Amino acid sequence: MTADAGFGVVPLEQARTMDGLTLFKGLLEGRFPAPPISRMLGMKLDEIEFGRVVFAYTPVFDHYNPLGSVHGGIAATLLDSVMGCCIHTTLKAGIGYTTVEIKVNYVRAMTDKTGPVRAEGKVINVGSRIATSEGRLVDASGKLLAHGTTTCLIFPI
């Protein structure tokens, strides 16, 4: 494992030996390092089950755009992450995926006053080559901030 203070990447040789749910349970339990992007953005894997993933994130001023709110790319990244990861939880050992398409709808702006938010991804369908899922980004009171869908390509690794 390549890691820096709990962040790193599980080597591909090791990752390909585990089904997706096992890999993500290891991430949640701290047996594997968190991906470096989670340190940079301050997002954290919060819940995991077959076909469903939740990440936690608290908006910060450092992620603001010139208009005074959190950049939409943060919401898109959170949604892309949970929508892809929920698909990954359904994959067998030796199978990977990549995002082919993502669609995001922004409903409400995030600011550093929004407080903690949750991004939840749920599988819609997983086939032999293509998978789809949906994601929702909500604040602590359950208000919808953004939602989206994705299409992922599935392939052997």
C-alpha atoms as a PDB file:
ATOM      1  CA  MET A   1       0.000   0.000   0.000  1.00  0.00           C
ATOM      2  CA  THR A   2       1.191   3.463  -0.811  1.00  0.00           C
ATOM      3  CA  ALA A   3       0.044   5.780   1.951  1.00  0.00           C
ATOM      4  CA  ASP A   4       0.754   9.134   3.548  1.00  0.00           C
ATOM      5  CA  ALA A   5      -0.796   9.670   6.988  1.00  0.00           C
ATOM      6  CA  GLY A   6      -3.748   7.368   6.229  1.00  0.00           C
ATOM      7  CA  PHE A   7      -4.169   8.471   2.614  1.00  0.00           C
ATOM      8  CA  GLY A   8      -2.998   6.538  -0.401  1.00  0.00           C
ATOM      9  CA  VAL A   9      -3.923   4.037  -3.065  1.00  0.00           C
ATOM     10  CA  VAL A  10      -4.459   0.307  -2.699  1.00  0.00           C
ATOM     11  CA  PRO A  11      -2.085  -1.304  -5.225  1.00  0.00           C
ATOM     12  CA  LEU A  12      -3.941  -2.593  -8.291  1.00  0.00           C
ATOM     13  CA  GLU A  13      -2.508  -6.092  -7.773  1.00  0.00           C
ATOM     14  CA  GLN A  14      -4.179  -6.187  -4.347  1.00  0.00           C
ATOM     15  CA  ALA A  15      -7.389  -4.391  -5.332  1.00  0.00           C
ATOM     16  CA  ARG A  16      -8.073  -6.796  -8.210  1.00  0.00           C
ATOM     17  CA  THR A  17      -8.179  -9.732  -5.761  1.00  0.00           C
ATOM     18  CA  MET A  18     -11.190  -8.306  -3.872  1.00  0.00           C
ATOM     19  CA  ASP A  19     -14.790  -7.772  -4.838  1.00  0.00           C
ATOM     20  CA  GLY A  20     -15.880  -4.139  -4.630  1.00  0.00           C
ATOM     21  CA  LEU A  21     -17.851  -4.463  -1.404  1.00  0.00           C
ATOM     22  CA  THR A  22     -14.855  -6.012   0.381  1.00  0.00           C
ATOM     23  CA  LEU A  23     -12.596  -3.213  -0.852  1.00  0.00           C
ATOM     24  CA  PHE A  24     -14.989  -0.505   0.326  1.00  0.00           C
ATOM     25  CA  LYS A  25     -15.557  -2.160   3.704  1.00  0.00           C
ATOM     26  CA  GLY A  26     -11.763  -2.129   4.104  1.00  0.00           C
ATOM     27  CA  LEU A  27     -11.699   1.584   3.275  1.00  0.00           C
ATOM     28  CA  LEU A  28     -14.485   2.335   5.754  1.00  0.00           C
ATOM     29  CA  GLU A  29     -12.842   0.277   8.507  1.00  0.00           C
ATOM     30  CA  GLY A  30      -9.430   1.898   7.911  1.00  0.00           C
ATOM     31  CA  ARG A  31      -7.706  -1.300   6.764  1.00  0.00           C
ATOM     32  CA  PHE A  32      -6.884   0.493   3.508  1.00  0.00           C
ATOM     33  CA  PRO A  33      -5.846   4.115   3.082  1.00  0.00           C
ATOM     34  CA  ALA A  34      -8.398   6.718   2.059  1.00  0.00           C
ATOM     35  CA  PRO A  35      -7.897   8.045  -1.483  1.00  0.00           C
ATOM     36  CA  PRO A  36      -5.810  11.255  -1.579  1.00  0.00           C
ATOM     37  CA  ILE A  37      -8.712  13.236  -3.088  1.00  0.00           C
ATOM     38  CA  SER A  38     -10.643  12.712   0.150  1.00  0.00           C
ATOM     39  CA  ARG A  39      -7.936  14.581   2.056  1.00  0.00           C
ATOM     40  CA  MET A  40      -7.840  17.412  -0.470  1.00  0.00           C
ATOM     41  CA  LEU A  41     -11.621  17.916  -0.514  1.00  0.00           C
ATOM     42  CA  GLY A  42     -12.359  16.927   3.072  1.00  0.00           C
ATOM     43  CA  MET A  43     -14.829  14.225   2.078  1.00  0.00           C
ATOM     44  CA  LYS A  44     -15.150  11.003   4.032  1.00  0.00           C
ATOM     45  CA  LEU A  45     -16.657   7.603   3.303  1.00  0.00           C
ATOM     46  CA  ASP A  46     -19.476   7.387   5.848  1.00  0.00           C
ATOM     47  CA  GLU A  47     -21.680   4.393   4.946  1.00  0.00           C
ATOM     48  CA  ILE A  48     -21.340   1.413   2.639  1.00  0.00           C
ATOM     49  CA  GLU A  49     -23.535  -1.464   1.584  1.00  0.00           C
ATOM     50  CA  PHE A  50     -24.056  -3.448  -1.595  1.00  0.00           C
ATOM     51  CA  GLY A  51     -25.199  -0.955  -4.233  1.00  0.00           C
ATOM     52  CA  ARG A  52     -25.180   2.083  -1.919  1.00  0.00           C
ATOM     53  CA  VAL A  53     -22.500   4.506  -0.693  1.00  0.00           C
ATOM     54  CA  VAL A  54     -22.631   7.679   1.434  1.00  0.00           C
ATOM     55  CA  PHE A  55     -19.895  10.312   1.702  1.00  0.00           C
ATOM     56  CA  ALA A  56     -19.831  13.144   4.249  1.00  0.00           C
ATOM     57  CA  TYR A  57     -18.499  16.611   3.456  1.00  0.00           C
ATOM     58  CA  THR A  58     -18.602  19.992   5.159  1.00  0.00           C
ATOM     59  CA  PRO A  59     -18.437  22.984   2.782  1.00  0.00           C
ATOM     60  CA  VAL A  60     -15.527  25.349   3.417  1.00  0.00           C
ATOM     61  CA  PHE A  61     -14.557  28.830   2.270  1.00  0.00           C
ATOM     62  CA  ASP A  62     -11.471  27.458   0.481  1.00  0.00           C
ATOM     63  CA  HIS A  63     -13.813  25.809  -2.056  1.00  0.00           C
ATOM     64  CA  TYR A  64     -15.600  29.047  -3.006  1.00  0.00           C
ATOM     65  CA  ASN A  65     -15.987  30.256  -6.575  1.00  0.00           C
ATOM     66  CA  PRO A  66     -15.804  33.989  -7.511  1.00  0.00           C
ATOM     67  CA  LEU A  67     -19.549  34.386  -6.808  1.00  0.00           C
ATOM     68  CA  GLY A  68     -19.257  33.537  -3.110  1.00  0.00           C
ATOM     69  CA  SER A  69     -20.482  29.952  -2.898  1.00  0.00           C
ATOM     70  CA  VAL A  70     -18.877  26.521  -3.041  1.00  0.00           C
ATOM     71  CA  HIS A  71     -17.811  25.748  -6.612  1.00  0.00           C
ATOM     72  CA  GLY A  72     -20.224  23.445  -8.456  1.00  0.00           C
ATOM     73  CA  GLY A  73     -17.320  21.159  -9.239  1.00  0.00           C
ATOM     74  CA  ILE A  74     -17.253  20.121  -5.583  1.00  0.00           C
ATOM     75  CA  ALA A  75     -20.879  18.945  -5.763  1.00  0.00           C
ATOM     76  CA  ALA A  76     -20.138  17.240  -9.079  1.00  0.00           C
ATOM     77  CA  THR A  77     -17.095  15.494  -7.595  1.00  0.00           C
ATOM     78  CA  LEU A  78     -19.060  14.305  -4.568  1.00  0.00           C
ATOM     79  CA  LEU A  79     -21.824  12.963  -6.811  1.00  0.00           C
ATOM     80  CA  ASP A  80     -19.394  11.385  -9.294  1.00  0.00           C
ATOM     81  CA  SER A  81     -17.653   9.684  -6.368  1.00  0.00           C
ATOM     82  CA  VAL A  82     -20.731   8.185  -4.709  1.00  0.00           C
ATOM     83  CA  MET A  83     -22.376   7.231  -7.999  1.00  0.00           C
ATOM     84  CA  GLY A  84     -19.251   5.400  -9.174  1.00  0.00           C
ATOM     85  CA  CYS A  85     -18.435   3.870  -5.809  1.00  0.00           C
ATOM     86  CA  CYS A  86     -21.935   2.430  -5.332  1.00  0.00           C
ATOM     87  CA  ILE A  87     -21.481   0.634  -8.666  1.00  0.00           C
ATOM     88  CA  HIS A  88     -18.048  -0.582  -7.543  1.00  0.00           C
ATOM     89  CA  THR A  89     -19.610  -2.261  -4.484  1.00  0.00           C
ATOM     90  CA  THR A  90     -21.501  -4.611  -6.827  1.00  0.00           C
ATOM     91  CA  LEU A  91     -18.506  -5.720  -8.894  1.00  0.00           C
ATOM     92  CA  LYS A  92     -16.718  -9.057  -8.574  1.00  0.00           C
ATOM     93  CA  ALA A  93     -12.980  -9.387  -7.972  1.00  0.00           C
ATOM     94  CA  GLY A  94     -10.936  -8.482 -11.028  1.00  0.00           C
ATOM     95  CA  ILE A  95     -13.598  -6.158 -12.449  1.00  0.00           C
ATOM     96  CA  GLY A  96     -13.247  -2.372 -12.643  1.00  0.00           C
ATOM     97  CA  TYR A  97     -15.213   0.567 -13.967  1.00  0.00           C
ATOM     98  CA  THR A  98     -14.833   4.099 -15.223  1.00  0.00           C
ATOM     99  CA  THR A  99     -17.272   6.962 -15.601  1.00  0.00           C
ATOM    100  CA  VAL A 100     -18.457   7.441 -19.187  1.00  0.00           C
ATOM    101  CA  GLU A 101     -21.041  10.148 -18.551  1.00  0.00           C
ATOM    102  CA  ILE A 102     -22.280  12.212 -15.627  1.00  0.00           C
ATOM    103  CA  LYS A 103     -25.267  14.530 -15.387  1.00  0.00           C
ATOM    104  CA  VAL A 104     -25.616  16.926 -12.455  1.00  0.00           C
ATOM    105  CA  ASN A 105     -28.523  19.205 -11.557  1.00  0.00           C
ATOM    106  CA  TYR A 106     -27.769  21.981  -9.072  1.00  0.00           C
ATOM    107  CA  VAL A 107     -30.705  22.909  -6.834  1.00  0.00           C
ATOM    108  CA  ARG A 108     -29.252  25.035  -4.002  1.00  0.00           C
ATOM    109  CA  ALA A 109     -25.898  26.686  -3.433  1.00  0.00           C
ATOM    110  CA  MET A 110     -23.536  25.466  -0.721  1.00  0.00           C
ATOM    111  CA  THR A 111     -21.617  27.889   1.478  1.00  0.00           C
ATOM    112  CA  ASP A 112     -19.449  27.550   4.546  1.00  0.00           C
ATOM    113  CA  LYS A 113     -22.659  28.206   6.532  1.00  0.00           C
ATOM    114  CA  THR A 114     -24.492  25.192   5.026  1.00  0.00           C
ATOM    115  CA  GLY A 115     -22.988  22.790   7.539  1.00  0.00           C
ATOM    116  CA  PRO A 116     -22.360  19.084   6.974  1.00  0.00           C
ATOM    117  CA  VAL A 117     -23.799  17.521   3.835  1.00  0.00           C
ATOM    118  CA  ARG A 118     -24.285  13.940   2.677  1.00  0.00           C
ATOM    119  CA  ALA A 119     -23.805  12.582  -0.809  1.00  0.00           C
ATOM    120  CA  GLU A 120     -25.599   9.280  -1.378  1.00  0.00           C
ATOM    121  CA  GLY A 121     -25.219   7.061  -4.421  1.00  0.00           C
ATOM    122  CA  LYS A 122     -27.560   4.186  -5.310  1.00  0.00           C
ATOM    123  CA  VAL A 123     -27.284   1.703  -8.140  1.00  0.00           C
ATOM    124  CA  ILE A 124     -29.998   1.782 -10.797  1.00  0.00           C
ATOM    125  CA  ASN A 125     -28.707  -1.110 -12.917  1.00  0.00           C
ATOM    126  CA  VAL A 126     -25.494  -3.084 -13.350  1.00  0.00           C
ATOM    127  CA  GLY A 127     -25.088  -5.109 -16.525  1.00  0.00           C
ATOM    128  CA  SER A 128     -22.111  -6.969 -17.933  1.00  0.00           C
ATOM    129  CA  ARG A 129     -20.625  -3.864 -19.647  1.00  0.00           C
ATOM    130  CA  ILE A 130     -22.660  -0.829 -18.580  1.00  0.00           C
ATOM    131  CA  ALA A 131     -23.906   0.321 -15.177  1.00  0.00           C
ATOM    132  CA  THR A 132     -26.043   3.280 -14.137  1.00  0.00           C
ATOM    133  CA  SER A 133     -26.616   4.922 -10.786  1.00  0.00           C
ATOM    134  CA  GLU A 134     -28.085   8.029  -9.219  1.00  0.00           C
ATOM    135  CA  GLY A 135     -26.882  10.379  -6.523  1.00  0.00           C
ATOM    136  CA  ARG A 136     -28.316  12.968  -4.178  1.00  0.00           C
ATOM    137  CA  LEU A 137     -26.501  15.675  -2.213  1.00  0.00           C
ATOM    138  CA  VAL A 138     -28.462  16.916   0.808  1.00  0.00           C
ATOM    139  CA  ASP A 139     -27.834  19.185   3.796  1.00  0.00           C
ATOM    140  CA  ALA A 140     -28.333  18.151   7.435  1.00  0.00           C
ATOM    141  CA  SER A 141     -32.061  18.950   7.313  1.00  0.00           C
ATOM    142  CA  GLY A 142     -32.524  16.837   4.181  1.00  0.00           C
ATOM    143  CA  LYS A 143     -32.835  19.749   1.729  1.00  0.00           C
ATOM    144  CA  LEU A 144     -31.710  18.765  -1.739  1.00  0.00           C
ATOM    145  CA  LEU A 145     -28.613  20.641  -2.941  1.00  0.00           C
ATOM    146  CA  ALA A 146     -27.868  18.701  -6.142  1.00  0.00           C
ATOM    147  CA  HIS A 147     -28.668  15.385  -7.791  1.00  0.00           C
ATOM    148  CA  GLY A 148     -27.374  13.427 -10.726  1.00  0.00           C
ATOM    149  CA  THR A 149     -26.991  10.250 -12.709  1.00  0.00           C
ATOM    150  CA  THR A 150     -24.042   8.443 -14.215  1.00  0.00           C
ATOM    151  CA  THR A 151     -23.212   5.778 -16.756  1.00  0.00           C
ATOM    152  CA  CYS A 152     -20.124   3.666 -16.149  1.00  0.00           C
ATOM    153  CA  LEU A 153     -18.238   1.223 -18.347  1.00  0.00           C
ATOM    154  CA  ILE A 154     -17.428  -2.106 -16.683  1.00  0.00           C
ATOM    155  CA  PHE A 155     -14.282  -4.037 -17.691  1.00  0.00           C
ATOM    156  CA  PRO A 156     -11.737  -6.591 -16.446  1.00  0.00           C
ATOM    157  CA  ILE A 157      -8.695  -5.181 -14.639  1.00  0.00           C
END
